[in-house]
Amino acid sequence: MSTKDKNLSHFDKHNLPDAGTFRFGIVVSQWNSHITHNLLKGAVDTLLELGARPDRINCFDVPGSFELIHGANQLCKGEIFNAVIVIGSVIRGETAHFDYICQGVTEGIKDLNIKYNTPVIFCVLTDDNEQQALDRSGGKYGNKGVEAAVAAVQMANFGNH
């Protein structure tokens, strides 16, 4: 789904499950931290707005987006979280590194969703330039972290059925 002309921060909390009984793990890449910290803020604020308790939201830092896979794997192994959100930002450069990282992270997170019962929510921006990332981390297109938090609550609730 393209985010062009769509603000990601709009949701109706009355149509979403109460997050008060769930535990959330969030793994955040420190690479492009000015982007990832905005995404984290959007995710945490939204979880709290949806009823999550602050003591049931645990955040963990990893160096870069590729390390999100290992971080999420560790959280899923413990089976204490109802959902895990991975937050990263990969911005295209002059080499193919962007393509390898994006593909590796995407496949790694997909594999975790197959391997474990804990849903892992993908909040990794893969943008052509910094402005696109800023636009999607609290800028003119809203905050993708908000969307990830909504998905985390929905998927945590899905596991209760």
N, C-alpha and C. Protein backbone atom coordinates (compact mmCIF):
# COMPACT_ATOMS: atom_id res chain seq x y z
N MET A 1 0.84 -1.17 0.00
CA MET A 1 0.00 0.00 0.00
C MET A 1 0.89 1.23 0.00
N SER A 2 0.65 2.11 -0.89
CA SER A 2 1.40 3.36 -0.96
C SER A 2 0.88 4.34 0.07
N THR A 3 1.79 5.11 0.67
CA THR A 3 1.38 6.10 1.65
C THR A 3 1.20 7.48 1.03
N LYS A 4 1.38 7.59 -0.27
CA LYS A 4 1.19 8.88 -0.93
C LYS A 4 -0.26 9.32 -0.73
N ASP A 5 -0.43 10.55 -0.28
CA ASP A 5 -1.75 11.13 -0.05
C ASP A 5 -2.53 10.44 1.07
N LYS A 6 -1.85 9.73 1.96
CA LYS A 6 -2.52 9.07 3.07
C LYS A 6 -1.77 9.38 4.36
N ASN A 7 -2.47 9.89 5.35
CA ASN A 7 -1.86 10.13 6.64
C ASN A 7 -2.01 8.87 7.47
N LEU A 8 -0.91 8.31 7.91
CA LEU A 8 -0.92 7.03 8.61
C LEU A 8 -1.39 7.13 10.06
N SER A 9 -1.52 8.31 10.58
CA SER A 9 -1.81 8.48 12.00
C SER A 9 -3.29 8.47 12.35
N HIS A 10 -4.17 8.33 11.37
CA HIS A 10 -5.60 8.36 11.64
C HIS A 10 -6.14 6.96 11.92
N PHE A 11 -6.78 6.82 13.07
CA PHE A 11 -7.43 5.56 13.41
C PHE A 11 -8.56 5.87 14.40
N ASP A 12 -9.52 4.97 14.48
CA ASP A 12 -10.63 5.13 15.41
C ASP A 12 -10.42 4.14 16.55
N LYS A 13 -10.00 4.65 17.70
CA LYS A 13 -9.67 3.75 18.81
C LYS A 13 -10.89 2.99 19.33
N HIS A 14 -12.08 3.47 19.03
CA HIS A 14 -13.30 2.79 19.48
C HIS A 14 -13.55 1.51 18.69
N ASN A 15 -12.90 1.36 17.55
CA ASN A 15 -13.04 0.15 16.74
C ASN A 15 -11.88 -0.83 16.96
N LEU A 16 -11.06 -0.57 17.99
CA LEU A 16 -9.89 -1.41 18.25
C LEU A 16 -10.01 -2.07 19.61
N PRO A 17 -9.37 -3.22 19.79
CA PRO A 17 -9.39 -3.89 21.09
C PRO A 17 -8.67 -3.05 22.15
N ASP A 18 -9.04 -3.26 23.39
CA ASP A 18 -8.34 -2.63 24.51
C ASP A 18 -6.99 -3.33 24.69
N ALA A 19 -5.93 -2.56 24.75
CA ALA A 19 -4.57 -3.13 24.84
C ALA A 19 -4.13 -3.36 26.28
N GLY A 20 -5.00 -3.13 27.25
CA GLY A 20 -4.63 -3.16 28.66
C GLY A 20 -4.10 -4.48 29.18
N THR A 21 -4.47 -5.58 28.58
CA THR A 21 -4.02 -6.88 29.08
C THR A 21 -2.80 -7.43 28.35
N PHE A 22 -2.33 -6.71 27.35
CA PHE A 22 -1.25 -7.22 26.50
C PHE A 22 0.10 -6.67 26.92
N ARG A 23 1.15 -7.45 26.59
CA ARG A 23 2.55 -7.02 26.76
C ARG A 23 3.14 -6.82 25.37
N PHE A 24 3.87 -5.72 25.21
CA PHE A 24 4.47 -5.39 23.92
C PHE A 24 5.97 -5.23 24.06
N GLY A 25 6.70 -5.84 23.14
CA GLY A 25 8.13 -5.63 23.03
C GLY A 25 8.39 -4.81 21.78
N ILE A 26 9.28 -3.83 21.89
CA ILE A 26 9.63 -3.00 20.75
C ILE A 26 11.14 -3.02 20.60
N VAL A 27 11.62 -3.39 19.41
CA VAL A 27 13.05 -3.40 19.12
C VAL A 27 13.31 -2.27 18.14
N VAL A 28 14.23 -1.37 18.51
CA VAL A 28 14.45 -0.14 17.75
C VAL A 28 15.89 -0.05 17.28
N SER A 29 16.06 0.18 15.99
CA SER A 29 17.37 0.40 15.40
C SER A 29 17.88 1.79 15.77
N GLN A 30 19.15 1.86 16.16
CA GLN A 30 19.76 3.15 16.47
C GLN A 30 20.29 3.86 15.22
N TRP A 31 20.41 3.12 14.12
CA TRP A 31 20.83 3.74 12.86
C TRP A 31 19.69 4.63 12.39
N ASN A 32 19.99 5.83 11.93
CA ASN A 32 18.98 6.83 11.57
C ASN A 32 18.06 7.11 12.75
N SER A 33 18.67 7.30 13.93
CA SER A 33 17.90 7.43 15.17
C SER A 33 16.95 8.63 15.17
N HIS A 34 17.27 9.66 14.41
CA HIS A 34 16.34 10.80 14.35
C HIS A 34 15.02 10.39 13.68
N ILE A 35 15.04 9.33 12.91
CA ILE A 35 13.83 8.78 12.30
C ILE A 35 13.22 7.73 13.23
N THR A 36 14.03 6.78 13.68
CA THR A 36 13.49 5.66 14.46
C THR A 36 12.93 6.12 15.80
N HIS A 37 13.51 7.14 16.41
CA HIS A 37 12.96 7.61 17.69
C HIS A 37 11.61 8.29 17.50
N ASN A 38 11.40 8.94 16.36
CA ASN A 38 10.07 9.48 16.05
C ASN A 38 9.05 8.35 15.87
N LEU A 39 9.47 7.29 15.19
CA LEU A 39 8.58 6.14 15.00
C LEU A 39 8.26 5.49 16.34
N LEU A 40 9.28 5.35 17.19
CA LEU A 40 9.09 4.77 18.53
C LEU A 40 8.09 5.60 19.33
N LYS A 41 8.26 6.90 19.31
CA LYS A 41 7.33 7.77 20.05
C LYS A 41 5.91 7.57 19.55
N GLY A 42 5.72 7.52 18.24
CA GLY A 42 4.39 7.30 17.69
C GLY A 42 3.81 5.97 18.14
N ALA A 43 4.64 4.93 18.15
CA ALA A 43 4.17 3.60 18.56
C ALA A 43 3.79 3.57 20.04
N VAL A 44 4.67 4.07 20.89
CA VAL A 44 4.41 4.03 22.33
C VAL A 44 3.20 4.89 22.69
N ASP A 45 3.14 6.10 22.16
CA ASP A 45 2.00 6.97 22.44
C ASP A 45 0.69 6.31 22.03
N THR A 46 0.69 5.63 20.90
CA THR A 46 -0.53 4.97 20.41
C THR A 46 -0.89 3.77 21.29
N LEU A 47 0.10 2.97 21.67
CA LEU A 47 -0.19 1.85 22.57
C LEU A 47 -0.82 2.34 23.87
N LEU A 48 -0.27 3.42 24.41
CA LEU A 48 -0.82 3.98 25.65
C LEU A 48 -2.24 4.50 25.42
N GLU A 49 -2.47 5.16 24.31
CA GLU A 49 -3.81 5.67 23.98
C GLU A 49 -4.82 4.53 23.86
N LEU A 50 -4.34 3.38 23.41
CA LEU A 50 -5.23 2.21 23.24
C LEU A 50 -5.34 1.38 24.51
N GLY A 51 -4.78 1.89 25.62
CA GLY A 51 -4.98 1.24 26.91
C GLY A 51 -3.84 0.42 27.44
N ALA A 52 -2.73 0.31 26.70
CA ALA A 52 -1.59 -0.46 27.19
C ALA A 52 -1.04 0.20 28.45
N ARG A 53 -0.59 -0.62 29.36
CA ARG A 53 0.04 -0.10 30.59
C ARG A 53 1.50 0.17 30.32
N PRO A 54 2.04 1.29 30.81
CA PRO A 54 3.45 1.63 30.56
C PRO A 54 4.43 0.54 31.00
N ASP A 55 4.11 -0.17 32.08
CA ASP A 55 5.01 -1.21 32.57
C ASP A 55 4.93 -2.49 31.74
N ARG A 56 4.05 -2.51 30.76
CA ARG A 56 3.91 -3.68 29.88
C ARG A 56 4.37 -3.38 28.46
N ILE A 57 5.10 -2.27 28.31
CA ILE A 57 5.74 -1.91 27.04
C ILE A 57 7.24 -1.87 27.30
N ASN A 58 7.96 -2.79 26.69
CA ASN A 58 9.42 -2.87 26.89
C ASN A 58 10.13 -2.56 25.58
N CYS A 59 11.07 -1.62 25.64
CA CYS A 59 11.81 -1.18 24.46
C CYS A 59 13.27 -1.61 24.55
N PHE A 60 13.81 -2.05 23.43
CA PHE A 60 15.18 -2.53 23.36
C PHE A 60 15.86 -1.94 22.13
N ASP A 61 17.09 -1.47 22.29
CA ASP A 61 17.86 -0.89 21.20
C ASP A 61 18.77 -1.93 20.56
N VAL A 62 18.92 -1.84 19.25
CA VAL A 62 19.92 -2.62 18.51
C VAL A 62 20.65 -1.64 17.60
N PRO A 63 21.85 -2.00 17.13
CA PRO A 63 22.63 -1.05 16.33
C PRO A 63 21.98 -0.61 15.02
N GLY A 64 21.48 -1.57 14.24
CA GLY A 64 20.94 -1.24 12.92
C GLY A 64 19.74 -2.08 12.58
N SER A 65 19.19 -1.86 11.40
CA SER A 65 17.98 -2.58 11.00
C SER A 65 18.22 -4.08 10.83
N PHE A 66 19.40 -4.48 10.38
CA PHE A 66 19.65 -5.90 10.22
C PHE A 66 19.60 -6.63 11.56
N GLU A 67 19.99 -5.95 12.63
CA GLU A 67 19.98 -6.56 13.96
C GLU A 67 18.58 -6.65 14.57
N LEU A 68 17.60 -6.03 13.93
CA LEU A 68 16.22 -6.15 14.40
C LEU A 68 15.77 -7.61 14.43
N ILE A 69 16.26 -8.39 13.48
CA ILE A 69 15.87 -9.80 13.38
C ILE A 69 16.29 -10.55 14.65
N HIS A 70 17.54 -10.39 15.04
CA HIS A 70 18.03 -11.08 16.24
C HIS A 70 17.29 -10.59 17.48
N GLY A 71 17.12 -9.27 17.58
CA GLY A 71 16.41 -8.73 18.74
C GLY A 71 15.00 -9.27 18.86
N ALA A 72 14.27 -9.27 17.77
CA ALA A 72 12.91 -9.80 17.78
C ALA A 72 12.89 -11.29 18.07
N ASN A 73 13.86 -12.01 17.52
CA ASN A 73 13.95 -13.45 17.79
C ASN A 73 14.09 -13.72 19.29
N GLN A 74 14.94 -12.94 19.95
CA GLN A 74 15.15 -13.12 21.39
C GLN A 74 13.84 -12.85 22.15
N LEU A 75 13.11 -11.83 21.75
CA LEU A 75 11.86 -11.51 22.44
C LEU A 75 10.80 -12.57 22.20
N CYS A 76 10.74 -13.09 20.99
CA CYS A 76 9.75 -14.13 20.67
C CYS A 76 10.06 -15.43 21.40
N LYS A 77 11.33 -15.75 21.54
CA LYS A 77 11.72 -16.99 22.23
C LYS A 77 11.20 -17.02 23.67
N GLY A 78 11.19 -15.87 24.30
CA GLY A 78 10.78 -15.79 25.70
C GLY A 78 9.29 -15.99 25.92
N GLU A 79 8.51 -15.84 24.88
CA GLU A 79 7.05 -16.01 24.93
C GLU A 79 6.39 -15.19 26.03
N ILE A 80 6.90 -13.99 26.30
CA ILE A 80 6.27 -13.15 27.32
C ILE A 80 5.50 -11.98 26.69
N PHE A 81 5.71 -11.76 25.40
CA PHE A 81 5.06 -10.64 24.73
C PHE A 81 3.91 -11.14 23.86
N ASN A 82 2.85 -10.36 23.80
CA ASN A 82 1.72 -10.68 22.94
C ASN A 82 1.96 -10.21 21.50
N ALA A 83 2.85 -9.24 21.34
CA ALA A 83 3.26 -8.76 20.02
C ALA A 83 4.60 -8.04 20.16
N VAL A 84 5.38 -8.11 19.10
CA VAL A 84 6.68 -7.43 19.03
C VAL A 84 6.64 -6.50 17.83
N ILE A 85 7.12 -5.29 18.02
CA ILE A 85 7.23 -4.32 16.92
C ILE A 85 8.71 -4.10 16.65
N VAL A 86 9.11 -4.19 15.38
CA VAL A 86 10.49 -3.84 15.02
C VAL A 86 10.46 -2.50 14.28
N ILE A 87 11.34 -1.59 14.70
CA ILE A 87 11.37 -0.24 14.14
C ILE A 87 12.74 0.05 13.57
N GLY A 88 12.78 0.41 12.29
CA GLY A 88 14.04 0.74 11.64
C GLY A 88 13.83 1.71 10.50
N SER A 89 14.95 2.19 9.97
CA SER A 89 14.91 3.10 8.83
C SER A 89 16.13 2.84 7.97
N VAL A 90 15.88 2.44 6.72
CA VAL A 90 16.96 2.22 5.77
C VAL A 90 16.75 3.22 4.63
N ILE A 91 17.77 4.03 4.38
CA ILE A 91 17.68 5.06 3.35
C ILE A 91 18.65 4.71 2.23
N ARG A 92 18.15 4.72 1.01
CA ARG A 92 18.94 4.33 -0.14
C ARG A 92 20.20 5.18 -0.26
N GLY A 93 21.30 4.52 -0.55
CA GLY A 93 22.56 5.21 -0.78
C GLY A 93 23.02 4.97 -2.21
N GLU A 94 24.32 5.01 -2.41
CA GLU A 94 24.88 4.89 -3.76
C GLU A 94 25.24 3.46 -4.15
N THR A 95 25.07 2.51 -3.21
CA THR A 95 25.45 1.12 -3.50
C THR A 95 24.26 0.19 -3.33
N ALA A 96 24.46 -1.06 -3.63
CA ALA A 96 23.40 -2.07 -3.51
C ALA A 96 23.14 -2.49 -2.06
N HIS A 97 23.90 -1.95 -1.12
CA HIS A 97 23.74 -2.30 0.30
C HIS A 97 22.27 -2.16 0.73
N PHE A 98 21.61 -1.10 0.30
CA PHE A 98 20.21 -0.84 0.62
C PHE A 98 19.34 -2.06 0.26
N ASP A 99 19.53 -2.57 -0.94
CA ASP A 99 18.71 -3.70 -1.41
C ASP A 99 18.92 -4.94 -0.57
N TYR A 100 20.18 -5.22 -0.23
CA TYR A 100 20.48 -6.41 0.57
C TYR A 100 19.91 -6.30 1.98
N ILE A 101 20.07 -5.14 2.60
CA ILE A 101 19.56 -4.95 3.95
C ILE A 101 18.03 -5.04 3.95
N CYS A 102 17.38 -4.35 3.04
CA CYS A 102 15.92 -4.38 2.99
C CYS A 102 15.38 -5.79 2.78
N GLN A 103 15.97 -6.50 1.86
CA GLN A 103 15.52 -7.87 1.60
C GLN A 103 15.78 -8.78 2.79
N GLY A 104 16.97 -8.67 3.37
CA GLY A 104 17.32 -9.51 4.51
C GLY A 104 16.41 -9.27 5.71
N VAL A 105 16.15 -8.01 6.02
CA VAL A 105 15.30 -7.69 7.16
C VAL A 105 13.88 -8.16 6.91
N THR A 106 13.37 -7.91 5.72
CA THR A 106 12.01 -8.32 5.39
C THR A 106 11.85 -9.83 5.50
N GLU A 107 12.77 -10.57 4.93
CA GLU A 107 12.68 -12.03 5.00
C GLU A 107 12.88 -12.54 6.42
N GLY A 108 13.79 -11.91 7.15
CA GLY A 108 14.03 -12.32 8.53
C GLY A 108 12.81 -12.14 9.40
N ILE A 109 12.14 -11.03 9.27
CA ILE A 109 10.93 -10.78 10.06
C ILE A 109 9.81 -11.71 9.61
N LYS A 110 9.70 -11.94 8.32
CA LYS A 110 8.71 -12.91 7.82
C LYS A 110 8.95 -14.28 8.43
N ASP A 111 10.22 -14.70 8.48
CA ASP A 111 10.56 -16.01 9.05
C ASP A 111 10.17 -16.09 10.53
N LEU A 112 10.34 -15.01 11.27
CA LEU A 112 9.96 -15.02 12.69
C LEU A 112 8.45 -15.16 12.84
N ASN A 113 7.69 -14.55 11.95
CA ASN A 113 6.24 -14.67 12.01
C ASN A 113 5.77 -16.09 11.72
N ILE A 114 6.54 -16.81 10.96
CA ILE A 114 6.21 -18.21 10.69
C ILE A 114 6.67 -19.11 11.84
N LYS A 115 7.81 -18.81 12.41
CA LYS A 115 8.44 -19.65 13.43
C LYS A 115 7.75 -19.58 14.79
N TYR A 116 7.29 -18.41 15.18
CA TYR A 116 6.74 -18.21 16.52
C TYR A 116 5.26 -17.87 16.48
N ASN A 117 4.61 -18.04 17.63
CA ASN A 117 3.21 -17.65 17.77
C ASN A 117 3.08 -16.15 18.06
N THR A 118 4.16 -15.50 18.40
CA THR A 118 4.14 -14.07 18.68
C THR A 118 4.22 -13.29 17.37
N PRO A 119 3.24 -12.44 17.08
CA PRO A 119 3.31 -11.65 15.85
C PRO A 119 4.42 -10.60 15.94
N VAL A 120 5.18 -10.46 14.85
CA VAL A 120 6.22 -9.45 14.76
C VAL A 120 5.76 -8.44 13.71
N ILE A 121 5.58 -7.21 14.16
CA ILE A 121 5.04 -6.15 13.31
C ILE A 121 6.20 -5.38 12.67
N PHE A 122 6.15 -5.25 11.36
CA PHE A 122 7.21 -4.66 10.55
C PHE A 122 7.01 -3.15 10.45
N CYS A 123 7.85 -2.39 11.12
CA CYS A 123 7.83 -0.93 11.04
C CYS A 123 9.22 -0.47 10.64
N VAL A 124 9.62 -0.86 9.45
CA VAL A 124 10.93 -0.49 8.92
C VAL A 124 10.70 0.34 7.67
N LEU A 125 11.07 1.60 7.75
CA LEU A 125 10.95 2.47 6.58
C LEU A 125 12.07 2.15 5.61
N THR A 126 11.74 2.02 4.35
CA THR A 126 12.72 1.75 3.29
C THR A 126 12.54 2.83 2.24
N ASP A 127 13.20 3.94 2.45
CA ASP A 127 12.95 5.13 1.63
C ASP A 127 14.13 5.45 0.72
N ASP A 128 13.82 6.15 -0.34
CA ASP A 128 14.84 6.58 -1.30
C ASP A 128 15.68 7.73 -0.78
N ASN A 129 15.11 8.54 0.13
CA ASN A 129 15.87 9.67 0.67
C ASN A 129 15.36 10.01 2.06
N GLU A 130 16.12 10.86 2.73
CA GLU A 130 15.80 11.21 4.12
C GLU A 130 14.45 11.92 4.23
N GLN A 131 14.11 12.76 3.27
CA GLN A 131 12.84 13.49 3.33
C GLN A 131 11.66 12.53 3.34
N GLN A 132 11.72 11.48 2.54
CA GLN A 132 10.64 10.49 2.55
C GLN A 132 10.50 9.86 3.94
N ALA A 133 11.62 9.57 4.57
CA ALA A 133 11.59 8.98 5.91
C ALA A 133 11.00 9.97 6.92
N LEU A 134 11.39 11.22 6.83
CA LEU A 134 10.84 12.24 7.73
C LEU A 134 9.34 12.40 7.53
N ASP A 135 8.90 12.35 6.28
CA ASP A 135 7.48 12.48 5.97
C ASP A 135 6.65 11.36 6.58
N ARG A 136 7.25 10.19 6.81
CA ARG A 136 6.54 9.01 7.30
C ARG A 136 6.82 8.73 8.77
N SER A 137 7.59 9.60 9.41
CA SER A 137 7.91 9.40 10.83
C SER A 137 7.48 10.63 11.64
N GLY A 138 6.32 11.15 11.31
CA GLY A 138 5.78 12.30 12.01
C GLY A 138 5.59 13.51 11.12
N GLY A 139 5.88 13.37 9.84
CA GLY A 139 5.73 14.47 8.89
C GLY A 139 4.39 14.47 8.19
N LYS A 140 4.40 14.88 6.95
CA LYS A 140 3.13 15.11 6.23
C LYS A 140 2.32 13.85 5.97
N TYR A 141 2.93 12.68 6.06
CA TYR A 141 2.17 11.44 5.89
C TYR A 141 1.88 10.76 7.22
N GLY A 142 2.07 11.46 8.31
CA GLY A 142 1.79 10.88 9.62
C GLY A 142 2.99 10.14 10.17
N ASN A 143 2.71 9.11 10.93
CA ASN A 143 3.77 8.37 11.61
C ASN A 143 3.51 6.88 11.48
N LYS A 144 4.38 6.19 10.78
CA LYS A 144 4.25 4.75 10.56
C LYS A 144 4.28 3.98 11.88
N GLY A 145 4.89 4.56 12.91
CA GLY A 145 4.90 3.93 14.23
C GLY A 145 3.49 3.80 14.81
N VAL A 146 2.64 4.76 14.52
CA VAL A 146 1.25 4.70 14.94
C VAL A 146 0.57 3.49 14.30
N GLU A 147 0.76 3.36 12.99
CA GLU A 147 0.16 2.23 12.27
C GLU A 147 0.67 0.89 12.80
N ALA A 148 1.95 0.82 13.13
CA ALA A 148 2.52 -0.42 13.67
C ALA A 148 1.91 -0.76 15.02
N ALA A 149 1.69 0.24 15.86
CA ALA A 149 1.08 0.00 17.17
C ALA A 149 -0.35 -0.51 17.02
N VAL A 150 -1.10 0.08 16.10
CA VAL A 150 -2.47 -0.38 15.85
C VAL A 150 -2.44 -1.84 15.39
N ALA A 151 -1.54 -2.16 14.48
CA ALA A 151 -1.42 -3.55 14.00
C ALA A 151 -1.02 -4.48 15.14
N ALA A 152 -0.12 -4.03 16.02
CA ALA A 152 0.31 -4.87 17.14
C ALA A 152 -0.86 -5.20 18.06
N VAL A 153 -1.69 -4.22 18.35
CA VAL A 153 -2.86 -4.46 19.21
C VAL A 153 -3.83 -5.42 18.52
N GLN A 154 -4.07 -5.21 17.24
CA GLN A 154 -4.98 -6.09 16.51
C GLN A 154 -4.46 -7.52 16.48
N MET A 155 -3.16 -7.68 16.26
CA MET A 155 -2.59 -9.03 16.17
C MET A 155 -2.46 -9.69 17.55
N ALA A 156 -2.20 -8.90 18.58
CA ALA A 156 -2.20 -9.47 19.94
C ALA A 156 -3.58 -9.99 20.28
N ASN A 157 -4.60 -9.24 19.92
CA ASN A 157 -5.97 -9.66 20.14
C ASN A 157 -6.34 -10.87 19.30
N PHE A 158 -5.81 -10.94 18.09
CA PHE A 158 -6.05 -12.09 17.19
C PHE A 158 -5.62 -13.39 17.86
N GLY A 159 -4.54 -13.35 18.61
CA GLY A 159 -4.04 -14.53 19.30
C GLY A 159 -4.94 -14.99 20.44
N ASN A 160 -5.88 -14.17 20.85
CA ASN A 160 -6.78 -14.52 21.94
C ASN A 160 -8.04 -15.23 21.46
N HIS A 161 -8.17 -15.43 20.17
CA HIS A 161 -9.37 -16.06 19.62
C HIS A 161 -9.18 -17.54 19.47
